Protein backbone atom coordinates (compact mmCIF):
# COMPACT_ATOMS: atom_id res chain seq x y z
CA MET A 1 45.55 54.66 126.37
CA GLN A 2 46.10 54.97 122.65
CA GLY A 3 45.86 58.31 120.93
CA LYS A 4 46.99 60.29 124.01
CA LEU A 5 50.49 61.35 125.01
CA ARG A 6 51.49 60.22 128.43
CA ARG A 7 53.47 62.59 130.64
CA ALA A 8 56.56 60.92 132.05
CA PRO A 9 56.86 61.04 135.84
CA ALA A 10 59.39 63.54 137.17
CA CYS A 11 62.84 62.11 137.86
CA ARG A 12 63.88 63.21 141.30
CA ALA A 13 67.40 61.93 140.67
CA CYS A 14 67.70 64.37 137.72
CA ALA A 15 66.25 67.27 139.67
CA THR A 16 68.68 66.98 142.56
CA VAL A 17 72.42 66.75 142.14
CA GLY A 18 72.95 64.67 145.27
CA GLY A 19 70.60 61.86 144.20
CA PRO A 20 67.29 60.81 145.69
CA SER A 21 68.41 61.31 149.31
CA ALA A 22 69.71 64.87 148.81
CA PRO A 23 67.45 67.55 150.27
CA THR A 24 65.93 70.14 147.93
CA ALA A 25 67.04 73.76 148.58
CA PRO A 26 64.28 76.10 149.69
CA PRO A 27 63.04 78.48 146.93
CA GLY A 28 64.33 81.55 148.75
CA ALA A 29 67.84 80.14 148.94
CA ARG A 30 67.91 79.49 145.19
CA THR A 31 66.78 83.06 144.51
CA GLU A 32 69.50 84.46 146.75
CA VAL A 33 72.22 82.40 145.03
CA TYR A 34 70.94 83.37 141.59
CA GLY A 35 70.95 87.04 142.60
CA ARG A 36 74.55 86.87 143.75
CA MET A 37 75.59 85.15 140.49
CA THR A 38 73.76 87.76 138.42
CA ARG A 39 75.45 90.63 140.26
CA ARG A 40 78.84 88.95 139.90
CA THR A 41 78.34 88.36 136.15
CA THR A 42 77.20 91.95 135.63
CA GLY A 43 80.26 93.23 137.48
CA ILE A 44 82.58 91.15 135.31
CA VAL A 45 80.94 92.43 132.11
CA ILE A 46 81.20 96.06 133.25
CA ALA A 47 84.86 95.61 134.26
CA ALA A 48 85.68 94.03 130.88
CA ALA A 49 83.94 96.87 129.03
CA LEU A 50 85.84 99.49 131.03
CA ALA A 51 89.15 97.74 130.34
CA ALA A 52 88.40 97.57 126.62
CA GLY A 53 87.47 101.25 126.56
CA LEU A 54 90.62 102.29 128.39
CA GLY A 55 92.70 100.17 126.03
CA LEU A 56 91.12 101.83 123.01
CA LEU A 57 91.76 105.30 124.42
CA ALA A 58 95.38 104.40 125.16
CA ALA A 59 95.87 103.09 121.61
CA GLN A 60 94.35 106.25 120.11
CA LYS A 61 96.58 108.42 122.27
CA PHE A 62 99.68 106.44 121.32
CA PHE A 63 99.07 106.36 117.59
CA SER A 64 97.44 109.79 117.19
CA HIS A 65 99.48 111.95 119.56
CA ASP A 66 102.63 110.26 120.74
CA THR A 67 103.75 108.93 117.35
CA PRO A 68 105.13 111.78 115.20
CA ALA A 69 103.69 112.03 111.68
CA SER A 70 106.07 111.60 108.75
CA PRO A 71 107.00 114.93 107.13
CA TRP A 72 106.15 113.26 103.82
CA ALA A 73 102.51 112.99 104.82
CA THR A 74 101.88 116.62 103.85
CA VAL A 75 103.53 116.40 100.41
CA THR A 76 101.00 116.77 97.60
CA SER A 77 103.24 117.62 94.62
CA ALA A 78 105.07 114.27 94.60
CA VAL A 79 104.47 110.58 95.11
CA MET A 80 106.79 109.71 98.01
CA TYR A 81 108.02 106.12 98.23
CA PRO A 82 107.48 104.18 101.49
CA GLN A 83 111.18 103.34 101.61
CA PRO A 84 113.88 105.48 99.89
CA ARG A 85 116.21 103.53 97.62
CA PRO A 86 119.98 104.13 97.48
CA LEU A 87 121.39 104.90 94.04
CA PRO A 88 124.23 102.87 92.54
CA ASP A 89 127.56 104.55 91.97
CA PHE A 90 127.58 107.00 89.08
CA SER A 91 129.81 109.72 87.70
CA LEU A 92 128.44 112.57 85.59
CA ARG A 93 130.37 115.50 84.17
CA GLN A 94 129.19 118.90 85.42
CA SER A 95 129.22 122.08 83.38
CA ASP A 96 132.27 123.36 85.26
CA GLY A 97 134.22 120.23 84.36
CA THR A 98 134.05 118.57 87.79
CA ALA A 99 132.65 115.12 88.42
CA LEU A 100 129.18 114.74 89.91
CA VAL A 101 129.19 111.64 92.12
CA PRO A 102 126.65 110.37 94.70
CA GLY A 103 128.28 112.21 97.60
CA GLU A 104 127.72 115.55 95.87
CA LEU A 105 123.96 115.11 96.13
CA LYS A 106 123.82 114.68 99.91
CA GLY A 107 122.69 117.34 102.37
CA HIS A 108 119.87 118.72 100.20
CA TRP A 109 116.56 117.69 98.72
CA THR A 110 117.35 117.40 95.01
CA LEU A 111 115.00 117.32 92.03
CA VAL A 112 116.40 115.57 88.96
CA PHE A 113 115.11 116.15 85.44
CA ILE A 114 116.54 114.61 82.25
CA GLY A 115 116.23 116.11 78.77
CA PHE A 116 118.25 117.61 75.93
CA LEU A 117 119.03 121.05 74.58
CA SER A 118 117.20 120.62 71.26
CA CYS A 119 113.99 119.67 73.06
CA PRO A 120 111.26 121.85 71.50
CA ASP A 121 108.80 122.11 74.40
CA VAL A 122 108.91 119.75 77.40
CA CYS A 123 112.41 120.64 78.60
CA PRO A 124 112.22 124.46 78.41
CA THR A 125 108.71 124.47 79.86
CA THR A 126 109.71 122.24 82.79
CA LEU A 127 112.87 124.22 83.57
CA ALA A 128 110.91 127.47 83.46
CA GLU A 129 108.31 126.09 85.87
CA LEU A 130 110.95 124.77 88.25
CA ALA A 131 112.73 128.14 88.16
CA GLN A 132 109.61 129.61 89.79
CA ALA A 133 110.03 127.18 92.68
CA GLN A 134 113.75 127.90 92.90
CA LYS A 135 113.06 131.62 93.32
CA GLN A 136 110.88 130.86 96.35
CA TRP A 137 113.71 128.88 97.94
CA ALA A 138 116.06 131.88 97.85
CA SER A 139 115.39 132.65 101.54
CA ILE A 140 116.50 129.15 102.63
CA PRO A 141 120.19 128.96 103.67
CA GLU A 142 122.32 127.85 100.74
CA GLY A 143 123.65 124.86 102.67
CA LEU A 144 120.11 123.45 103.01
CA ARG A 145 118.32 124.89 99.98
CA PRO A 146 116.59 122.37 97.67
CA ARG A 147 118.40 121.97 94.37
CA LEU A 148 117.58 121.15 90.78
CA LEU A 149 119.79 118.91 88.65
CA PHE A 150 119.30 118.94 84.87
CA VAL A 151 120.99 116.07 83.02
CA SER A 152 121.25 116.03 79.24
CA VAL A 153 120.79 112.60 77.70
CA ASP A 154 122.16 113.82 74.33
CA PRO A 155 125.93 113.86 74.89
CA GLU A 156 126.67 113.75 71.14
CA ARG A 157 125.38 117.30 70.69
CA ASP A 158 125.28 118.66 74.27
CA SER A 159 128.68 119.28 75.80
CA PRO A 160 128.87 119.91 79.57
CA THR A 161 129.56 123.61 78.91
CA ARG A 162 126.54 123.99 76.65
CA VAL A 163 124.33 122.14 79.12
CA GLY A 164 125.40 124.59 81.84
CA GLU A 165 124.72 127.64 79.68
CA TYR A 166 121.29 126.30 78.79
CA ALA A 167 120.26 125.42 82.34
CA HIS A 168 121.61 128.63 83.88
CA ALA A 169 119.52 130.69 81.48
CA PHE A 170 116.50 129.51 83.48
CA HIS A 171 118.06 129.77 86.96
CA LYS A 172 121.64 130.37 88.01
CA ASP A 173 121.56 127.74 90.80
CA THR A 174 120.61 124.79 88.60
CA LEU A 175 123.15 121.99 88.52
CA ALA A 176 123.85 120.82 84.96
CA ALA A 177 125.59 117.64 83.82
CA THR A 178 125.86 114.93 81.20
CA ALA A 179 127.96 111.80 80.56
CA ASP A 180 128.54 109.11 77.98
CA VAL A 181 125.54 107.04 76.96
CA PRO A 182 126.26 103.92 79.09
CA GLU A 183 126.71 106.05 82.22
CA LEU A 184 123.55 108.03 81.44
CA GLU A 185 121.59 104.82 80.92
CA ARG A 186 122.77 103.48 84.29
CA PHE A 187 121.89 106.75 86.04
CA ALA A 188 118.50 107.11 84.35
CA THR A 189 117.54 103.49 85.03
CA ALA A 190 118.32 103.93 88.73
CA LEU A 191 115.84 106.82 88.78
CA GLY A 192 113.19 104.83 86.92
CA PHE A 193 113.69 106.92 83.76
CA VAL A 194 114.23 105.92 80.12
CA PHE A 195 115.46 107.69 76.99
CA GLN A 196 116.25 106.79 73.40
CA LYS A 197 117.40 108.38 70.17
CA VAL A 198 114.71 108.81 67.50
CA PRO A 199 116.22 109.23 64.00
CA GLY A 200 114.64 111.82 61.70
CA LYS A 201 113.70 111.44 58.05
CA HIS A 202 117.16 112.51 56.82
CA PHE A 203 119.23 110.83 59.51
CA GLU A 204 121.22 108.77 56.99
CA GLN A 205 122.34 111.92 55.20
CA ASN A 206 122.61 114.05 58.35
CA PRO A 207 123.64 112.25 61.59
CA ASN A 208 122.38 115.22 63.60
CA ASP A 209 118.85 114.76 62.30
CA TYR A 210 117.40 113.05 65.35
CA SER A 211 115.43 113.76 68.47
CA MET A 212 115.38 112.22 71.95
CA ASP A 213 112.45 110.58 73.63
CA HIS A 214 112.80 110.73 77.42
CA SER A 215 110.84 110.45 80.65
CA ALA A 216 109.14 113.70 81.59
CA GLY A 217 108.88 113.16 85.34
CA ILE A 218 111.10 114.62 88.06
CA ALA A 219 112.94 112.31 90.46
CA VAL A 220 113.14 113.31 94.12
CA LEU A 221 116.34 112.61 96.06
CA ASP A 222 116.38 112.99 99.83
CA PRO A 223 119.27 114.59 101.79
CA GLN A 224 120.97 111.17 101.96
CA GLY A 225 121.08 111.08 98.15
CA GLN A 226 118.50 108.30 97.97
CA LEU A 227 115.60 108.07 95.53
CA ALA A 228 112.62 109.12 97.65
CA GLY A 229 109.83 110.00 95.23
CA LEU A 230 108.57 111.13 91.85
CA ILE A 231 106.85 114.29 90.61
CA ARG A 232 104.62 113.66 87.61
CA PRO A 233 103.47 116.31 85.12
CA PRO A 234 101.64 118.60 84.99
CA PHE A 235 103.78 120.46 87.50
CA GLN A 236 102.56 123.00 90.04
CA PRO A 237 105.54 125.27 90.85
CA GLN A 238 103.92 126.89 93.89
CA THR A 239 103.03 123.53 95.43
CA ILE A 240 106.48 122.10 94.69
CA ALA A 241 108.12 125.12 96.30
CA ALA A 242 105.97 124.89 99.44
CA ASP A 243 106.33 121.11 99.80
CA PHE A 244 110.11 121.07 99.60
CA ALA A 245 110.52 124.11 101.78
CA ARG A 246 108.59 122.21 104.49
CA LEU A 247 110.59 119.04 103.91
CA THR A 248 113.82 120.97 104.17
CA GLN A 249 112.74 122.46 107.49
CA ALA A 250 111.52 119.10 108.81
CA THR A 251 114.73 117.22 107.92
CA ALA A 252 117.27 119.94 108.67
CA PRO A 253 120.00 118.80 111.09
């Protein structure tokens, strides 16, 4: 008849897997099989969920408790580098006339600051602030105590002896050194620092009429003498003192 949809007759071959001659399973049997499949599927899902949960707990335990935290994680006064970088060979002249070479900077955490004796504000202010931290390290054994190295980048006017006198006026334990300009440039570049001479108005008439522009940060060297971080101004002496006292304790042999 036109205008009406005709319902196709049921295909017994499609309804039964074994073809037309295969017997149809009783309704109760199908329900029982379905029930067993449902229980089996539910059990598999529960087992998978339990395994995933146990795996998550094991991962949290491994990463949160069994893996020791880096001692650098608690440092707030400095930006610590993910991987310390070894310094190239260098040779500076200390205030006592001896050479300062890479091996001399091992065994301690060392803070390195560059400047010059005629600096009107940044250098004396920084050395005075760091002297406050140095006083708090006095109770740490001398063989482990964090150290400060002040390097003058003005060798034309700042002799090693004068650099020592200047630095020791702030704290007696400060290491003081300088070198010729090429050696200073190599040393400063390895630390990520820069400096340059800035002639004054009367420089042509007076060769000593100049100033020095230089980086104002503080380089951090680890006990292996490697560049491990940077302290940027403004400086917090109390925080610096506490941070490097903890680092010294954490890395002590």
